[in-house]
PDB file of N, CA and C in Angstrom:
ATOM      1  N   MET A   1      24.566 -13.963  -0.326  1.00  0.00           N
ATOM      2  CA  MET A   1      23.673 -13.373  -1.373  1.00  0.00           C
ATOM      3  C   MET A   1      22.945 -11.296  -1.378  1.00  0.00           C
ATOM      4  N   SER A   2      23.571 -11.017  -2.515  1.00  0.00           N
ATOM      5  CA  SER A   2      22.593  -9.353  -2.166  1.00  0.00           C
ATOM      6  C   SER A   2      21.408 -10.018  -3.270  1.00  0.00           C
ATOM      7  N   PRO A   3      20.630  -8.834  -2.471  1.00  0.00           N
ATOM      8  CA  PRO A   3      19.409  -8.492  -2.919  1.00  0.00           C
ATOM      9  C   PRO A   3      19.424  -7.964  -4.302  1.00  0.00           C
ATOM     10  N   ASP A   4      18.109  -8.450  -4.759  1.00  0.00           N
ATOM     11  CA  ASP A   4      18.227  -7.949  -6.893  1.00  0.00           C
ATOM     12  C   ASP A   4      18.048  -7.103  -6.685  1.00  0.00           C
ATOM     13  N   VAL A   5      18.581  -5.944  -7.404  1.00  0.00           N
ATOM     14  CA  VAL A   5      17.648  -4.173  -7.277  1.00  0.00           C
ATOM     15  C   VAL A   5      18.245  -4.141  -9.467  1.00  0.00           C
ATOM     16  N   THR A   6      17.771  -4.773 -10.010  1.00  0.00           N
ATOM     17  CA  THR A   6      17.542  -4.172 -11.349  1.00  0.00           C
ATOM     18  C   THR A   6      16.175  -3.772 -10.672  1.00  0.00           C
ATOM     19  N   PRO A   7      15.566  -2.855 -12.159  1.00  0.00           N
ATOM     20  CA  PRO A   7      14.331  -1.989 -12.309  1.00  0.00           C
ATOM     21  C   PRO A   7      13.328  -3.242 -11.903  1.00  0.00           C
ATOM     22  N   LEU A   8      13.464  -3.852 -12.744  1.00  0.00           N
ATOM     23  CA  LEU A   8      12.537  -5.295 -13.011  1.00  0.00           C
ATOM     24  C   LEU A   8      12.202  -6.251 -11.007  1.00  0.00           C
ATOM     25  N   ALA A   9      13.446  -6.031 -10.650  1.00  0.00           N
ATOM     26  CA  ALA A   9      13.390  -7.059  -9.277  1.00  0.00           C
ATOM     27  C   ALA A   9      12.231  -5.673  -8.131  1.00  0.00           C
ATOM     28  N   ILE A  10      12.985  -4.945  -8.014  1.00  0.00           N
ATOM     29  CA  ILE A  10      12.634  -3.494  -7.524  1.00  0.00           C
ATOM     30  C   ILE A  10      11.242  -2.912  -7.552  1.00  0.00           C
ATOM     31  N   THR A  11      10.629  -3.568  -9.421  1.00  0.00           N
ATOM     32  CA  THR A  11       9.260  -3.055  -9.247  1.00  0.00           C
ATOM     33  C   THR A  11       8.376  -3.807  -8.948  1.00  0.00           C
ATOM     34  N   GLN A  12       9.419  -5.256  -9.227  1.00  0.00           N
ATOM     35  CA  GLN A  12       8.020  -6.623  -8.473  1.00  0.00           C
ATOM     36  C   GLN A  12       8.360  -6.435  -7.309  1.00  0.00           C
ATOM     37  N   HIS A  13       9.297  -5.885  -6.216  1.00  0.00           N
ATOM     38  CA  HIS A  13       9.250  -5.888  -5.136  1.00  0.00           C
ATOM     39  C   HIS A  13       8.157  -4.876  -3.977  1.00  0.00           C
ATOM     40  N   ALA A  14       8.131  -3.689  -5.051  1.00  0.00           N
ATOM     41  CA  ALA A  14       6.734  -3.134  -4.871  1.00  0.00           C
ATOM     42  C   ALA A  14       5.642  -3.127  -4.818  1.00  0.00           C
ATOM     43  N   ILE A  15       5.199  -4.590  -5.978  1.00  0.00           N
ATOM     44  CA  ILE A  15       4.533  -4.474  -5.656  1.00  0.00           C
ATOM     45  C   ILE A  15       3.742  -5.720  -4.899  1.00  0.00           C
ATOM     46  N   GLY A  16       4.805  -5.997  -4.812  1.00  0.00           N
ATOM     47  CA  GLY A  16       4.866  -6.973  -3.543  1.00  0.00           C
ATOM     48  C   GLY A  16       4.067  -6.709  -2.209  1.00  0.00           C
ATOM     49  N   LEU A  17       4.413  -5.505  -2.334  1.00  0.00           N
ATOM     50  CA  LEU A  17       4.515  -4.878  -1.174  1.00  0.00           C
ATOM     51  C   LEU A  17       3.441  -3.833  -0.501  1.00  0.00           C
ATOM     52  N   TRP A  18       2.582  -3.413  -2.501  1.00  0.00           N
ATOM     53  CA  TRP A  18       1.467  -3.096  -2.184  1.00  0.00           C
ATOM     54  C   TRP A  18       0.277  -3.851  -1.485  1.00  0.00           C
ATOM     55  N   ASN A  19       0.317  -5.009  -2.873  1.00  0.00           N
ATOM     56  CA  ASN A  19      -0.185  -5.744  -2.575  1.00  0.00           C
ATOM     57  C   ASN A  19      -0.549  -6.382  -0.811  1.00  0.00           C
ATOM     58  N   GLU A  20       0.283  -6.530  -0.032  1.00  0.00           N
ATOM     59  CA  GLU A  20       0.329  -6.467   1.767  1.00  0.00           C
ATOM     60  C   GLU A  20      -0.865  -5.074   1.907  1.00  0.00           C
ATOM     61  N   VAL A  21      -0.124  -4.115   1.490  1.00  0.00           N
ATOM     62  CA  VAL A  21      -0.882  -3.110   1.876  1.00  0.00           C
ATOM     63  C   VAL A  21      -2.380  -3.314   2.134  1.00  0.00           C
ATOM     64  N   ALA A  22      -3.135  -3.566   0.695  1.00  0.00           N
ATOM     65  CA  ALA A  22      -4.200  -4.222  -0.042  1.00  0.00           C
ATOM     66  C   ALA A  22      -4.575  -4.893   1.563  1.00  0.00           C
ATOM     67  N   ALA A  23      -3.461  -6.290   0.983  1.00  0.00           N
ATOM     68  CA  ALA A  23      -4.665  -6.994   2.435  1.00  0.00           C
ATOM     69  C   ALA A  23      -4.807  -6.972   3.796  1.00  0.00           C
ATOM     70  N   ALA A  24      -3.862  -5.575   4.069  1.00  0.00           N
ATOM     71  CA  ALA A  24      -4.482  -5.222   5.456  1.00  0.00           C
ATOM     72  C   ALA A  24      -5.012  -4.478   5.492  1.00  0.00           C
ATOM     73  N   TYR A  25      -5.546  -3.704   4.187  1.00  0.00           N
ATOM     74  CA  TYR A  25      -6.026  -2.487   4.422  1.00  0.00           C
ATOM     75  C   TYR A  25      -8.273  -4.078   4.425  1.00  0.00           C
ATOM     76  N   ASP A  26      -7.969  -5.031   3.569  1.00  0.00           N
ATOM     77  CA  ASP A  26      -9.178  -5.961   4.019  1.00  0.00           C
ATOM     78  C   ASP A  26      -9.144  -6.422   5.167  1.00  0.00           C
ATOM     79  N   ALA A  27      -8.193  -6.439   5.654  1.00  0.00           N
ATOM     80  CA  ALA A  27      -7.733  -6.737   7.252  1.00  0.00           C
ATOM     81  C   ALA A  27      -8.596  -6.134   8.304  1.00  0.00           C
ATOM     82  N   ILE A  28      -8.557  -4.181   7.683  1.00  0.00           N
ATOM     83  CA  ILE A  28      -8.706  -3.229   8.872  1.00  0.00           C
ATOM     84  C   ILE A  28     -10.563  -3.496   8.247  1.00  0.00           C
ATOM     85  N   GLU A  29     -11.150  -3.453   7.330  1.00  0.00           N
ATOM     86  CA  GLU A  29     -12.490  -3.326   6.736  1.00  0.00           C
ATOM     87  C   GLU A  29     -13.192  -4.888   7.814  1.00  0.00           C
ATOM     88  N   ARG A  30     -12.361  -5.766   7.625  1.00  0.00           N
ATOM     89  CA  ARG A  30     -12.598  -7.182   8.273  1.00  0.00           C
ATOM     90  C   ARG A  30     -13.777  -6.143   9.613  1.00  0.00           C
ATOM     91  N   ARG A  31     -12.427  -5.948  10.453  1.00  0.00           N
ATOM     92  CA  ARG A  31     -12.517  -5.240  12.119  1.00  0.00           C
ATOM     93  C   ARG A  31     -13.556  -4.603  12.277  1.00  0.00           C
ATOM     94  N   LEU A  32     -13.554  -2.829  10.914  1.00  0.00           N
ATOM     95  CA  LEU A  32     -14.880  -2.089  11.009  1.00  0.00           C
ATOM     96  C   LEU A  32     -16.172  -3.098  10.602  1.00  0.00           C
ATOM     97  N   GLY A  33     -16.106  -4.118   9.783  1.00  0.00           N
ATOM     98  CA  GLY A  33     -16.919  -4.632   9.338  1.00  0.00           C
ATOM     99  C   GLY A  33     -17.992  -5.410  10.239  1.00  0.00           C
ATOM    100  N   LEU A  34     -16.624  -5.959  11.407  1.00  0.00           N
ATOM    101  CA  LEU A  34     -17.472  -6.416  12.914  1.00  0.00           C
ATOM    102  C   LEU A  34     -18.075  -5.449  14.505  1.00  0.00           C
ATOM    103  N   GLY A  35     -16.587  -4.631  13.981  1.00  0.00           N
ATOM    104  CA  GLY A  35     -17.419  -4.042  14.835  1.00  0.00           C
ATOM    105  C   GLY A  35     -16.174  -3.890  15.590  1.00  0.00           C
ATOM    106  N   THR A  36     -14.701  -4.183  15.337  1.00  0.00           N
ATOM    107  CA  THR A  36     -14.317  -5.468  16.377  1.00  0.00           C
ATOM    108  C   THR A  36     -12.719  -3.630  15.794  1.00  0.00           C
ATOM    109  N   TRP A  37     -12.592  -3.407  17.330  1.00  0.00           N
ATOM    110  CA  TRP A  37     -11.595  -2.804  17.389  1.00  0.00           C
ATOM    111  C   TRP A  37     -10.314  -3.739  18.280  1.00  0.00           C
ATOM    112  N   GLU A  38     -10.408  -4.838  18.061  1.00  0.00           N
ATOM    113  CA  GLU A  38      -8.611  -5.826  18.462  1.00  0.00           C
ATOM    114  C   GLU A  38      -8.585  -5.382  17.182  1.00  0.00           C
ATOM    115  N   GLY A  39      -6.711  -5.856  17.518  1.00  0.00           N
ATOM    116  CA  GLY A  39      -6.172  -5.608  16.312  1.00  0.00           C
ATOM    117  C   GLY A  39      -5.852  -4.722  16.054  1.00  0.00           C
ATOM    118  N   PHE A  40      -6.194  -3.752  15.765  1.00  0.00           N
ATOM    119  CA  PHE A  40      -6.040  -2.506  15.195  1.00  0.00           C
ATOM    120  C   PHE A  40      -4.192  -2.298  15.278  1.00  0.00           C
ATOM    121  N   GLU A  41      -4.789  -1.951  15.672  1.00  0.00           N
ATOM    122  CA  GLU A  41      -2.474  -1.691  16.734  1.00  0.00           C
ATOM    123  C   GLU A  41      -1.460  -2.063  15.793  1.00  0.00           C
ATOM    124  N   GLU A  42      -2.307  -4.105  15.405  1.00  0.00           N
ATOM    125  CA  GLU A  42      -0.454  -4.308  14.728  1.00  0.00           C
ATOM    126  C   GLU A  42      -0.883  -4.510  13.509  1.00  0.00           C
ATOM    127  N   VAL A  43      -2.334  -4.024  13.061  1.00  0.00           N
ATOM    128  CA  VAL A  43      -2.518  -3.709  11.951  1.00  0.00           C
ATOM    129  C   VAL A  43      -1.746  -3.188  11.294  1.00  0.00           C
ATOM    130  N   ALA A  44      -2.080  -1.802  11.525  1.00  0.00           N
ATOM    131  CA  ALA A  44      -1.526  -0.465  11.648  1.00  0.00           C
ATOM    132  C   ALA A  44       0.017  -0.109  11.429  1.00  0.00           C
ATOM    133  N   THR A  45       0.614  -1.215  12.764  1.00  0.00           N
ATOM    134  CA  THR A  45       1.722  -1.078  12.524  1.00  0.00           C
ATOM    135  C   THR A  45       2.863  -2.395  11.826  1.00  0.00           C
ATOM    136  N   HIS A  46       2.036  -2.797  10.917  1.00  0.00           N
ATOM    137  CA  HIS A  46       2.221  -4.075   9.539  1.00  0.00           C
ATOM    138  C   HIS A  46       2.171  -2.530   8.924  1.00  0.00           C
ATOM    139  N   ILE A  47       1.423  -1.732   8.802  1.00  0.00           N
ATOM    140  CA  ILE A  47       0.842  -0.648   7.255  1.00  0.00           C
ATOM    141  C   ILE A  47       2.180   0.067   7.381  1.00  0.00           C
ATOM    142  N   ALA A  48       2.815   0.118   8.681  1.00  0.00           N
ATOM    143  CA  ALA A  48       3.644   2.279   8.989  1.00  0.00           C
ATOM    144  C   ALA A  48       5.198   1.147   8.220  1.00  0.00           C
ATOM    145  N   ALA A  49       5.332   0.301   8.506  1.00  0.00           N
ATOM    146  CA  ALA A  49       6.433  -0.924   7.426  1.00  0.00           C
ATOM    147  C   ALA A  49       5.947  -1.181   6.991  1.00  0.00           C
ATOM    148  N   LEU A  50       5.120  -1.097   6.294  1.00  0.00           N
ATOM    149  CA  LEU A  50       4.841  -1.599   4.641  1.00  0.00           C
ATOM    150  C   LEU A  50       5.677   0.162   4.008  1.00  0.00           C
ATOM    151  N   GLU A  51       5.828   0.467   4.635  1.00  0.00           N
ATOM    152  CA  GLU A  51       5.482   2.333   4.067  1.00  0.00           C
ATOM    153  C   GLU A  51       6.436   2.430   3.865  1.00  0.00           C
ATOM    154  N   CYS A  52       7.193   2.039   5.837  1.00  0.00           N
ATOM    155  CA  CYS A  52       9.013   2.313   5.064  1.00  0.00           C
ATOM    156  C   CYS A  52       9.188   1.794   4.017  1.00  0.00           C
ATOM    157  N   GLU A  53       8.916   0.779   4.486  1.00  0.00           N
ATOM    158  CA  GLU A  53      10.163  -0.320   2.588  1.00  0.00           C
ATOM    159  C   GLU A  53       9.817   0.266   1.786  1.00  0.00           C
ATOM    160  N   LEU A  54       8.665   0.900   1.582  1.00  0.00           N
ATOM    161  CA  LEU A  54       7.522   1.040   0.181  1.00  0.00           C
ATOM    162  C   LEU A  54       8.642   2.638  -0.466  1.00  0.00           C
ATOM    163  N   GLN A  55       8.674   3.157   0.746  1.00  0.00           N
ATOM    164  CA  GLN A  55       9.059   4.718   0.133  1.00  0.00           C
ATOM    165  C   GLN A  55      10.608   5.128  -0.816  1.00  0.00           C
ATOM    166  N   PRO A  56      11.327   3.861  -0.064  1.00  0.00           N
ATOM    167  CA  PRO A  56      12.884   4.134  -1.130  1.00  0.00           C
ATOM    168  C   PRO A  56      12.323   3.645  -2.040  1.00  0.00           C
ATOM    169  N   LEU A  57      11.896   2.499  -2.535  1.00  0.00           N
ATOM    170  CA  LEU A  57      11.803   1.311  -3.773  1.00  0.00           C
ATOM    171  C   LEU A  57      10.715   2.160  -5.471  1.00  0.00           C
ATOM    172  N   LEU A  58       9.368   3.553  -4.091  1.00  0.00           N
ATOM    173  CA  LEU A  58       8.647   4.251  -4.484  1.00  0.00           C
ATOM    174  C   LEU A  58       9.646   5.443  -5.490  1.00  0.00           C
ATOM    175  N   VAL A  59      10.579   5.930  -4.608  1.00  0.00           N
ATOM    176  CA  VAL A  59      11.522   6.792  -4.729  1.00  0.00           C
ATOM    177  C   VAL A  59      12.606   6.452  -6.009  1.00  0.00           C
ATOM    178  N   THR A  60      13.044   5.266  -5.903  1.00  0.00           N
ATOM    179  CA  THR A  60      13.875   4.657  -7.020  1.00  0.00           C
ATOM    180  C   THR A  60      12.947   4.107  -8.312  1.00  0.00           C
ATOM    181  N   ILE A  61      11.668   4.218  -7.933  1.00  0.00           N
ATOM    182  CA  ILE A  61      10.828   3.482  -9.577  1.00  0.00           C
ATOM    183  C   ILE A  61      10.475   4.664  -9.982  1.00  0.00           C
ATOM    184  N   THR A  62      10.158   6.448  -9.201  1.00  0.00           N
ATOM    185  CA  THR A  62      10.169   7.014  -9.650  1.00  0.00           C
ATOM    186  C   THR A  62      11.042   7.859 -10.696  1.00  0.00           C
ATOM    187  N   ALA A  63      12.879   8.199 -10.246  1.00  0.00           N
ATOM    188  CA  ALA A  63      13.909   8.242 -10.824  1.00  0.00           C
ATOM    189  C   ALA A  63      14.205   7.151 -11.866  1.00  0.00           C
ATOM    190  N   MET A  64      13.609   6.004 -12.189  1.00  0.00           N
ATOM    191  CA  MET A  64      14.183   5.634 -13.417  1.00  0.00           C
ATOM    192  C   MET A  64      12.963   5.271 -14.822  1.00  0.00           C
ATOM    193  N   ARG A  65      12.063   5.960 -13.803  1.00  0.00           N
ATOM    194  CA  ARG A  65      11.143   6.490 -14.945  1.00  0.00           C
ATOM    195  C   ARG A  65      10.876   7.690 -15.604  1.00  0.00           C
ATOM    196  N   ALA A  66      12.018   8.542 -15.125  1.00  0.00           N
ATOM    197  CA  ALA A  66      12.050  10.402 -15.066  1.00  0.00           C
ATOM    198  C   ALA A  66      12.589  10.185 -15.920  1.00  0.00           C
ATOM    199  N   ASP A  67      13.933   8.633 -16.072  1.00  0.00           N
ATOM    200  CA  ASP A  67      15.667   8.909 -16.703  1.00  0.00           C
ATOM    201  C   ASP A  67      15.569   9.329 -18.432  1.00  0.00           C
ATOM    202  N   GLY A  68      14.524   9.194 -19.328  1.00  0.00           N
ATOM    203  CA  GLY A  68      14.601   9.100 -20.049  1.00  0.00           C
ATOM    204  C   GLY A  68      14.292   7.738 -20.670  1.00  0.00           C
ATOM    205  N   THR A  69      15.062   7.739 -20.563  1.00  0.00           N
ATOM    206  CA  THR A  69      15.457   5.903 -21.504  1.00  0.00           C
ATOM    207  C   THR A  69      13.782   5.141 -21.420  1.00  0.00           C
ATOM    208  N   THR A  70      13.800   4.323 -22.428  1.00  0.00           N
ATOM    209  CA  THR A  70      12.965   3.999 -22.761  1.00  0.00           C
ATOM    210  C   THR A  70      12.898   2.498 -22.177  1.00  0.00           C
ATOM    211  N   PRO A  71      11.959   2.130 -21.361  1.00  0.00           N
ATOM    212  CA  PRO A  71      12.495   0.867 -20.048  1.00  0.00           C
ATOM    213  C   PRO A  71      11.534  -0.947 -21.141  1.00  0.00           C
ATOM    214  N   ALA A  72      12.327  -1.550 -21.253  1.00  0.00           N
ATOM    215  CA  ALA A  72      11.800  -3.356 -21.472  1.00  0.00           C
ATOM    216  C   ALA A  72      10.313  -3.232 -20.751  1.00  0.00           C
ATOM    217  N   PRO A  73       9.792  -3.627 -22.437  1.00  0.00           N
ATOM    218  CA  PRO A  73       8.251  -4.163 -22.656  1.00  0.00           C
ATOM    219  C   PRO A  73       7.363  -4.406 -21.449  1.00  0.00           C
ATOM    220  N   VAL A  74       8.888  -5.398 -20.232  1.00  0.00           N
ATOM    221  CA  VAL A  74       7.574  -6.180 -19.121  1.00  0.00           C
ATOM    222  C   VAL A  74       7.656  -4.849 -17.985  1.00  0.00           C
ATOM    223  N   LEU A  75       9.033  -4.185 -17.626  1.00  0.00           N
ATOM    224  CA  LEU A  75       9.197  -2.963 -17.088  1.00  0.00           C
ATOM    225  C   LEU A  75       7.983  -2.221 -17.000  1.00  0.00           C
ATOM    226  N   ALA A  76       7.490  -1.937 -18.730  1.00  0.00           N
ATOM    227  CA  ALA A  76       6.913  -0.802 -19.168  1.00  0.00           C
ATOM    228  C   ALA A  76       5.155  -1.700 -18.353  1.00  0.00           C
ATOM    229  N   GLU A  77       5.310  -2.464 -18.716  1.00  0.00           N
ATOM    230  CA  GLU A  77       4.076  -3.206 -18.195  1.00  0.00           C
ATOM    231  C   GLU A  77       3.813  -3.061 -16.454  1.00  0.00           C
ATOM    232  N   LEU A  78       4.983  -3.684 -16.036  1.00  0.00           N
ATOM    233  CA  LEU A  78       4.816  -3.568 -14.780  1.00  0.00           C
ATOM    234  C   LEU A  78       4.649  -1.906 -14.111  1.00  0.00           C
ATOM    235  N   TRP A  79       5.100  -1.237 -14.570  1.00  0.00           N
ATOM    236  CA  TRP A  79       4.805   0.680 -13.879  1.00  0.00           C
ATOM    237  C   TRP A  79       3.547   0.616 -14.437  1.00  0.00           C
ATOM    238  N   HIS A  80       3.151   0.579 -15.488  1.00  0.00           N
ATOM    239  CA  HIS A  80       1.567  -0.071 -16.098  1.00  0.00           C
ATOM    240  C   HIS A  80       0.808   0.241 -14.762  1.00  0.00           C
ATOM    241  N   GLU A  81       0.622  -1.357 -14.597  1.00  0.00           N
ATOM    242  CA  GLU A  81       0.079  -2.722 -13.491  1.00  0.00           C
ATOM    243  C   GLU A  81       0.036  -1.301 -11.927  1.00  0.00           C
ATOM    244  N   LEU A  82       1.504  -0.679 -11.872  1.00  0.00           N
ATOM    245  CA  LEU A  82       1.498   0.256 -10.688  1.00  0.00           C
ATOM    246  C   LEU A  82       0.998   0.898 -10.171  1.00  0.00           C
ATOM    247  N   ASP A  83       1.013   1.793 -11.482  1.00  0.00           N
ATOM    248  CA  ASP A  83      -0.128   2.998 -11.139  1.00  0.00           C
ATOM    249  C   ASP A  83      -1.569   3.072 -10.650  1.00  0.00           C
ATOM    250  N   PRO A  84      -2.137   2.167 -11.184  1.00  0.00           N
ATOM    251  CA  PRO A  84      -3.917   2.188 -10.788  1.00  0.00           C
ATOM    252  C   PRO A  84      -3.680   1.520  -9.325  1.00  0.00           C
ATOM    253  N   MET A  85      -2.815   0.079  -9.260  1.00  0.00           N
ATOM    254  CA  MET A  85      -3.028   0.331  -7.793  1.00  0.00           C
ATOM    255  C   MET A  85      -2.590   1.170  -7.085  1.00  0.00           C
ATOM    256  N   VAL A  86      -1.749   1.915  -7.227  1.00  0.00           N
ATOM    257  CA  VAL A  86      -1.330   2.837  -5.764  1.00  0.00           C
ATOM    258  C   VAL A  86      -2.300   3.372  -5.966  1.00  0.00           C
ATOM    259  N   GLU A  87      -3.427   3.762  -6.862  1.00  0.00           N
ATOM    260  CA  GLU A  87      -4.361   5.490  -6.953  1.00  0.00           C
ATOM    261  C   GLU A  87      -5.044   4.910  -6.904  1.00  0.00           C
ATOM    262  N   ALA A  88      -5.859   3.088  -6.452  1.00  0.00           N
ATOM    263  CA  ALA A  88      -6.583   2.632  -6.150  1.00  0.00           C
ATOM    264  C   ALA A  88      -6.344   2.901  -3.905  1.00  0.00           C
ATOM    265  N   LEU A  89      -5.474   2.088  -3.996  1.00  0.00           N
ATOM    266  CA  LEU A  89      -4.886   2.043  -2.983  1.00  0.00           C
ATOM    267  C   LEU A  89      -5.148   3.217  -1.636  1.00  0.00           C
ATOM    268  N   ALA A  90      -4.763   4.194  -2.895  1.00  0.00           N
ATOM    269  CA  ALA A  90      -4.614   5.827  -2.115  1.00  0.00           C
ATOM    270  C   ALA A  90      -5.959   6.139  -1.315  1.00  0.00           C
ATOM    271  N   ARG A  91      -6.762   5.597  -2.946  1.00  0.00           N
ATOM    272  CA  ARG A  91      -8.448   6.090  -2.596  1.00  0.00           C
ATOM    273  C   ARG A  91      -9.150   4.939  -1.581  1.00  0.00           C
ATOM    274  N   ARG A  92      -8.677   4.692  -0.946  1.00  0.00           N
ATOM    275  CA  ARG A  92      -8.763   3.198  -0.488  1.00  0.00           C
ATOM    276  C   ARG A  92      -9.113   3.395   1.174  1.00  0.00           C
ATOM    277  N   GLN A  93      -7.533   4.130   1.143  1.00  0.00           N
ATOM    278  CA  GLN A  93      -6.661   4.219   2.816  1.00  0.00           C
ATOM    279  C   GLN A  93      -8.127   5.817   3.034  1.00  0.00           C
ATOM    280  N   LYS A  94      -8.901   6.531   2.540  1.00  0.00           N
ATOM    281  CA  LYS A  94      -8.882   7.945   2.507  1.00  0.00           C
ATOM    282  C   LYS A  94     -10.321   7.781   2.826  1.00  0.00           C
ATOM    283  N   GLN A  95     -11.102   5.952   2.418  1.00  0.00           N
ATOM    284  CA  GLN A  95     -11.981   6.067   1.903  1.00  0.00           C
ATOM    285  C   GLN A  95     -12.352   4.859   3.368  1.00  0.00           C
ATOM    286  N   LEU A  96     -11.168   4.482   4.243  1.00  0.00           N
ATOM    287  CA  LEU A  96     -11.167   3.384   5.624  1.00  0.00           C
ATOM    288  C   LEU A  96     -11.104   4.454   6.384  1.00  0.00           C
ATOM    289  N   GLU A  97     -10.764   5.460   6.572  1.00  0.00           N
ATOM    290  CA  GLU A  97     -10.039   6.815   7.219  1.00  0.00           C
ATOM    291  C   GLU A  97     -11.358   6.848   7.952  1.00  0.00           C
ATOM    292  N   ARG A  98     -12.267   7.214   6.768  1.00  0.00           N
ATOM    293  CA  ARG A  98     -13.940   8.551   7.177  1.00  0.00           C
ATOM    294  C   ARG A  98     -14.369   6.837   8.002  1.00  0.00           C
ATOM    295  N   ALA A  99     -14.161   5.541   7.212  1.00  0.00           N
ATOM    296  CA  ALA A  99     -14.983   4.743   8.161  1.00  0.00           C
ATOM    297  C   ALA A  99     -14.562   4.713   9.680  1.00  0.00           C
ATOM    298  N   ALA A 100     -13.215   4.360   9.976  1.00  0.00           N
ATOM    299  CA  ALA A 100     -12.777   3.858  11.248  1.00  0.00           C
ATOM    300  C   ALA A 100     -12.935   5.201  12.027  1.00  0.00           C
ATOM    301  N   THR A 101     -13.297   6.242  11.524  1.00  0.00           N
ATOM    302  CA  THR A 101     -13.857   8.199  12.781  1.00  0.00           C
ATOM    303  C   THR A 101     -15.183   7.801  12.241  1.00  0.00           C
ATOM    304  N   ALA A 102     -15.049   7.328  11.487  1.00  0.00           N
ATOM    305  CA  ALA A 102     -17.293   6.923  11.457  1.00  0.00           C
ATOM    306  C   ALA A 102     -18.180   6.691  12.746  1.00  0.00           C
ATOM    307  N   ALA A 103     -16.619   4.976  12.151  1.00  0.00           N
ATOM    308  CA  ALA A 103     -17.074   3.652  13.143  1.00  0.00           C
ATOM    309  C   ALA A 103     -17.112   4.754  15.046  1.00  0.00           C
ATOM    310  N   ARG A 104     -15.653   4.766  15.208  1.00  0.00           N
ATOM    311  CA  ARG A 104     -14.799   5.549  16.074  1.00  0.00           C
ATOM    312  C   ARG A 104     -15.984   6.857  17.382  1.00  0.00           C
ATOM    313  N   ASN A 105     -16.206   7.203  15.972  1.00  0.00           N
ATOM    314  CA  ASN A 105     -17.646   8.485  16.859  1.00  0.00           C
ATOM    315  C   ASN A 105     -19.106   7.739  16.741  1.00  0.00           C
ATOM    316  N   THR A 106     -19.390   6.894  16.208  1.00  0.00           N
ATOM    317  CA  THR A 106     -20.514   6.425  17.033  1.00  0.00           C
ATOM    318  C   THR A 106     -20.098   5.563  17.870  1.00  0.00           C
ATOM    319  N   THR A 107     -19.848   4.680  18.000  1.00  0.00           N
ATOM    320  CA  THR A 107     -18.692   4.427  19.660  1.00  0.00           C
ATOM    321  C   THR A 107     -18.510   4.819  20.901  1.00  0.00           C
ATOM    322  N   ALA A 108     -18.164   6.357  20.343  1.00  0.00           N
ATOM    323  CA  ALA A 108     -17.974   7.207  21.534  1.00  0.00           C
ATOM    324  C   ALA A 108     -19.368   7.783  21.828  1.00  0.00           C
ATOM    325  N   ALA A 109     -20.286   7.904  21.018  1.00  0.00           N
ATOM    326  CA  ALA A 109     -22.219   8.991  20.797  1.00  0.00           C
ATOM    327  C   ALA A 109     -22.708   7.416  21.950  1.00  0.00           C
ATOM    328  N   ARG A 110     -22.522   6.308  21.904  1.00  0.00           N
ATOM    329  CA  ARG A 110     -22.996   5.419  22.354  1.00  0.00           C
ATOM    330  C   ARG A 110     -22.594   5.044  23.843  1.00  0.00           C
ATOM    331  N   LEU A 111     -21.145   5.334  24.004  1.00  0.00           N
ATOM    332  CA  LEU A 111     -21.063   5.327  25.207  1.00  0.00           C
ATOM    333  C   LEU A 111     -21.034   5.955  26.873  1.00  0.00           C
TER     334      LEU A 111
END
């Protein structure tokens, strides 16, 4: 059976992947909080895979949103939910990058 490619299914799948990205960011925060570097490679690899899967979905969603038609209310609501999620994760990514860099620099200085 082929995957559901309706706008609703595509958007739901993208939201699910963004939730996985958020969980991966949680894992990074836990490791940084514990000062543990083990497992970062696996988490980074997982995030990269999620981003690869998200890329075409986001292109498709962007095109659907720009096509000028009025989406069904449930789809419009999901898009409304998706926007702040993506923005929050983008901010969080920058914060995690700064925290990881600071942790790395602190560790290097101790050595």
